[in-house]
Amino acid sequence: MTGAQSSDDGRYTLEEWQRYQRMQAIKADLDADIGKRDEETKRAIKEAVDEWLDEKFAQVGKWTVRGIIVTLFGAAVWFIVWSRGLRFP
C-alpha cells in the first residue's frame, strides 16, 4: 500500500481521500513555515556576520592608524636626530 491507498486495486475510500488531502495541506503549510524560518535564520546570521566584520574592520583600521602614527613619529625622531648630526653605530 502506498500513500492513502487502502485496497489492492488502488482505490481510496472517501474518508481516506479527504484525510490524505488534509494531510497534504498540513504538510504544505509546514513546509512553507520552515521556508520562512530558514529565510529569517539566514537573514539573522548574515546580519550578525556583517556586524562582526564591521567590528573587525574597525579594529584593523584602528591598529593601522596607530601603526602609521607610530611610524611617522619614529621617522620624525630619526630625522631630528640625523639632522643634528648624532650618529648611531
N, C-alpha and C. Protein backbone atom coordinates (compact mmCIF):
# COMPACT_ATOMS: atom_id res chain seq x y z
N MET A 1 0.84 -1.18 0.00
CA MET A 1 0.00 0.00 0.00
C MET A 1 0.88 1.24 0.00
N THR A 2 0.55 2.22 -0.83
CA THR A 2 1.28 3.48 -0.88
C THR A 2 0.33 4.62 -0.64
N GLY A 3 0.82 5.67 0.01
CA GLY A 3 0.00 6.86 0.24
C GLY A 3 -1.22 6.52 1.05
N ALA A 4 -2.38 6.91 0.56
CA ALA A 4 -3.63 6.66 1.27
C ALA A 4 -4.41 5.52 0.63
N GLN A 5 -3.77 4.70 -0.15
CA GLN A 5 -4.45 3.58 -0.79
C GLN A 5 -4.73 2.51 0.25
N SER A 6 -5.96 1.98 0.24
CA SER A 6 -6.31 1.02 1.26
C SER A 6 -6.62 -0.36 0.71
N SER A 7 -6.86 -0.44 -0.55
CA SER A 7 -7.20 -1.76 -1.10
C SER A 7 -6.21 -2.13 -2.18
N ASP A 8 -6.25 -3.37 -2.58
CA ASP A 8 -5.31 -3.88 -3.57
C ASP A 8 -5.54 -3.30 -4.95
N ASP A 9 -6.73 -2.82 -5.26
CA ASP A 9 -7.00 -2.29 -6.60
C ASP A 9 -6.66 -0.80 -6.73
N GLY A 10 -6.13 -0.15 -5.67
CA GLY A 10 -5.67 1.22 -5.76
C GLY A 10 -6.74 2.27 -5.56
N ARG A 11 -7.90 1.89 -5.07
CA ARG A 11 -8.97 2.86 -4.86
C ARG A 11 -8.95 3.38 -3.42
N TYR A 12 -9.38 4.63 -3.27
CA TYR A 12 -9.48 5.26 -1.97
C TYR A 12 -10.94 5.27 -1.53
N THR A 13 -11.13 5.18 -0.23
CA THR A 13 -12.47 5.49 0.27
C THR A 13 -12.55 7.00 0.39
N LEU A 14 -13.74 7.54 0.48
CA LEU A 14 -13.92 8.98 0.57
C LEU A 14 -13.23 9.54 1.80
N GLU A 15 -13.35 8.86 2.92
CA GLU A 15 -12.73 9.33 4.16
C GLU A 15 -11.20 9.32 4.04
N GLU A 16 -10.67 8.26 3.44
CA GLU A 16 -9.22 8.19 3.27
C GLU A 16 -8.72 9.29 2.35
N TRP A 17 -9.44 9.53 1.29
CA TRP A 17 -9.05 10.58 0.34
C TRP A 17 -9.09 11.95 1.01
N GLN A 18 -10.13 12.22 1.79
CA GLN A 18 -10.22 13.51 2.49
C GLN A 18 -9.10 13.65 3.53
N ARG A 19 -8.83 12.57 4.25
CA ARG A 19 -7.74 12.61 5.24
C ARG A 19 -6.40 12.83 4.53
N TYR A 20 -6.20 12.16 3.41
CA TYR A 20 -4.98 12.33 2.64
C TYR A 20 -4.83 13.77 2.16
N GLN A 21 -5.89 14.37 1.67
CA GLN A 21 -5.85 15.76 1.21
C GLN A 21 -5.55 16.72 2.36
N ARG A 22 -6.17 16.47 3.55
CA ARG A 22 -5.89 17.32 4.72
C ARG A 22 -4.42 17.21 5.13
N MET A 23 -3.90 15.98 5.10
CA MET A 23 -2.50 15.78 5.48
C MET A 23 -1.57 16.47 4.48
N GLN A 24 -1.90 16.43 3.21
CA GLN A 24 -1.09 17.12 2.21
C GLN A 24 -1.11 18.63 2.43
N ALA A 25 -2.29 19.17 2.78
CA ALA A 25 -2.40 20.61 3.03
C ALA A 25 -1.59 20.99 4.27
N ILE A 26 -1.65 20.18 5.32
CA ILE A 26 -0.88 20.45 6.54
C ILE A 26 0.61 20.39 6.23
N LYS A 27 1.02 19.40 5.47
CA LYS A 27 2.43 19.26 5.10
C LYS A 27 2.90 20.48 4.30
N ALA A 28 2.08 20.96 3.37
CA ALA A 28 2.45 22.14 2.58
C ALA A 28 2.58 23.36 3.47
N ASP A 29 1.66 23.51 4.45
CA ASP A 29 1.74 24.64 5.38
C ASP A 29 3.02 24.57 6.21
N LEU A 30 3.35 23.37 6.70
CA LEU A 30 4.57 23.22 7.50
C LEU A 30 5.81 23.51 6.67
N ASP A 31 5.82 23.04 5.44
CA ASP A 31 6.96 23.32 4.56
C ASP A 31 7.12 24.82 4.32
N ALA A 32 6.00 25.52 4.15
CA ALA A 32 6.06 26.98 3.94
C ALA A 32 6.59 27.67 5.20
N ASP A 33 6.14 27.21 6.39
CA ASP A 33 6.64 27.80 7.64
C ASP A 33 8.13 27.57 7.81
N ILE A 34 8.57 26.36 7.48
CA ILE A 34 10.00 26.05 7.58
C ILE A 34 10.80 26.93 6.63
N GLY A 35 10.28 27.15 5.42
CA GLY A 35 10.95 28.03 4.47
C GLY A 35 11.08 29.44 4.99
N LYS A 36 10.02 29.95 5.63
CA LYS A 36 10.07 31.30 6.20
C LYS A 36 11.09 31.37 7.32
N ARG A 37 11.11 30.34 8.18
CA ARG A 37 12.07 30.32 9.28
C ARG A 37 13.50 30.24 8.76
N ASP A 38 13.70 29.46 7.70
CA ASP A 38 15.03 29.36 7.11
C ASP A 38 15.50 30.71 6.60
N GLU A 39 14.61 31.45 5.95
CA GLU A 39 14.96 32.78 5.44
C GLU A 39 15.27 33.73 6.60
N GLU A 40 14.47 33.66 7.66
CA GLU A 40 14.72 34.52 8.82
C GLU A 40 16.06 34.17 9.47
N THR A 41 16.35 32.88 9.56
CA THR A 41 17.61 32.44 10.13
C THR A 41 18.78 32.91 9.28
N LYS A 42 18.68 32.77 7.96
CA LYS A 42 19.74 33.23 7.07
C LYS A 42 19.95 34.73 7.22
N ARG A 43 18.86 35.48 7.30
CA ARG A 43 18.95 36.93 7.43
C ARG A 43 19.62 37.31 8.75
N ALA A 44 19.25 36.61 9.84
CA ALA A 44 19.84 36.90 11.15
C ALA A 44 21.33 36.58 11.17
N ILE A 45 21.71 35.45 10.57
CA ILE A 45 23.12 35.08 10.52
C ILE A 45 23.90 36.07 9.68
N LYS A 46 23.34 36.46 8.55
CA LYS A 46 24.02 37.43 7.69
C LYS A 46 24.22 38.76 8.41
N GLU A 47 23.21 39.19 9.15
CA GLU A 47 23.32 40.45 9.89
C GLU A 47 24.38 40.34 10.98
N ALA A 48 24.43 39.21 11.68
CA ALA A 48 25.42 39.02 12.73
C ALA A 48 26.84 39.00 12.15
N VAL A 49 27.01 38.33 11.02
CA VAL A 49 28.33 38.28 10.39
C VAL A 49 28.74 39.67 9.91
N ASP A 50 27.79 40.41 9.33
CA ASP A 50 28.10 41.77 8.90
C ASP A 50 28.54 42.66 10.06
N GLU A 51 27.84 42.54 11.19
CA GLU A 51 28.21 43.32 12.37
C GLU A 51 29.60 42.92 12.86
N TRP A 52 29.88 41.62 12.88
CA TRP A 52 31.18 41.14 13.33
C TRP A 52 32.29 41.64 12.41
N LEU A 53 32.05 41.58 11.09
CA LEU A 53 33.05 42.06 10.15
C LEU A 53 33.27 43.57 10.28
N ASP A 54 32.18 44.32 10.48
CA ASP A 54 32.33 45.77 10.69
C ASP A 54 33.19 46.05 11.91
N GLU A 55 32.95 45.29 12.98
CA GLU A 55 33.73 45.47 14.20
C GLU A 55 35.21 45.14 13.95
N LYS A 56 35.46 44.05 13.24
CA LYS A 56 36.85 43.65 12.96
C LYS A 56 37.53 44.65 12.03
N PHE A 57 36.83 45.15 11.02
CA PHE A 57 37.41 46.15 10.13
C PHE A 57 37.72 47.43 10.89
N ALA A 58 36.85 47.81 11.81
CA ALA A 58 37.11 48.99 12.63
C ALA A 58 38.34 48.77 13.50
N GLN A 59 38.46 47.55 14.03
CA GLN A 59 39.61 47.24 14.87
C GLN A 59 40.90 47.26 14.05
N VAL A 60 40.87 46.69 12.86
CA VAL A 60 42.05 46.71 11.99
C VAL A 60 42.38 48.14 11.60
N GLY A 61 41.37 48.93 11.30
CA GLY A 61 41.60 50.33 10.95
C GLY A 61 42.24 51.09 12.09
N LYS A 62 41.79 50.82 13.31
CA LYS A 62 42.36 51.48 14.48
C LYS A 62 43.84 51.11 14.63
N TRP A 63 44.15 49.84 14.45
CA TRP A 63 45.55 49.40 14.55
C TRP A 63 46.37 49.97 13.41
N THR A 64 45.78 50.09 12.24
CA THR A 64 46.50 50.64 11.10
C THR A 64 46.84 52.12 11.34
N VAL A 65 45.87 52.86 11.83
CA VAL A 65 46.11 54.29 12.11
C VAL A 65 47.17 54.43 13.19
N ARG A 66 47.10 53.60 14.21
CA ARG A 66 48.12 53.65 15.27
C ARG A 66 49.50 53.33 14.69
N GLY A 67 49.56 52.33 13.84
CA GLY A 67 50.83 51.96 13.22
C GLY A 67 51.41 53.07 12.37
N ILE A 68 50.56 53.75 11.61
CA ILE A 68 51.02 54.87 10.79
C ILE A 68 51.52 56.01 11.67
N ILE A 69 50.80 56.31 12.74
CA ILE A 69 51.22 57.39 13.64
C ILE A 69 52.56 57.06 14.30
N VAL A 70 52.71 55.82 14.76
CA VAL A 70 53.98 55.42 15.38
C VAL A 70 55.11 55.48 14.36
N THR A 71 54.86 55.04 13.14
CA THR A 71 55.88 55.10 12.10
C THR A 71 56.27 56.53 11.80
N LEU A 72 55.29 57.43 11.67
CA LEU A 72 55.59 58.84 11.41
C LEU A 72 56.36 59.46 12.58
N PHE A 73 55.96 59.12 13.79
CA PHE A 73 56.65 59.64 14.95
C PHE A 73 58.11 59.15 14.97
N GLY A 74 58.29 57.86 14.70
CA GLY A 74 59.65 57.31 14.65
C GLY A 74 60.48 57.96 13.56
N ALA A 75 59.87 58.19 12.39
CA ALA A 75 60.60 58.84 11.29
C ALA A 75 60.96 60.27 11.67
N ALA A 76 60.04 60.98 12.34
CA ALA A 76 60.33 62.35 12.76
C ALA A 76 61.49 62.38 13.76
N VAL A 77 61.47 61.48 14.73
CA VAL A 77 62.55 61.41 15.72
C VAL A 77 63.87 61.08 15.02
N TRP A 78 63.85 60.12 14.12
CA TRP A 78 65.06 59.75 13.38
C TRP A 78 65.59 60.92 12.57
N PHE A 79 64.67 61.65 11.90
CA PHE A 79 65.09 62.81 11.10
C PHE A 79 65.71 63.88 11.98
N ILE A 80 65.11 64.15 13.14
CA ILE A 80 65.65 65.16 14.05
C ILE A 80 67.03 64.74 14.54
N VAL A 81 67.16 63.49 14.95
CA VAL A 81 68.46 63.01 15.43
C VAL A 81 69.47 63.06 14.30
N TRP A 82 69.12 62.66 13.10
CA TRP A 82 70.03 62.66 11.95
C TRP A 82 70.43 64.07 11.56
N SER A 83 69.44 65.01 11.58
CA SER A 83 69.74 66.38 11.17
C SER A 83 70.63 67.10 12.19
N ARG A 84 70.66 66.70 13.41
CA ARG A 84 71.51 67.31 14.44
C ARG A 84 72.92 66.74 14.42
N GLY A 85 73.12 65.75 13.62
CA GLY A 85 74.47 65.22 13.49
C GLY A 85 74.77 64.07 14.43
N LEU A 86 73.81 63.59 15.16
CA LEU A 86 74.07 62.45 16.02
C LEU A 86 74.03 61.19 15.19
N ARG A 87 75.07 60.42 15.31
CA ARG A 87 75.18 59.18 14.52
C ARG A 87 75.12 57.99 15.50
N PHE A 88 74.40 57.01 15.09
CA PHE A 88 74.35 55.78 15.87
C PHE A 88 75.25 54.76 15.20
N PRO A 89 75.92 53.97 16.01
CA PRO A 89 76.86 52.99 15.43
C PRO A 89 76.18 51.96 14.58
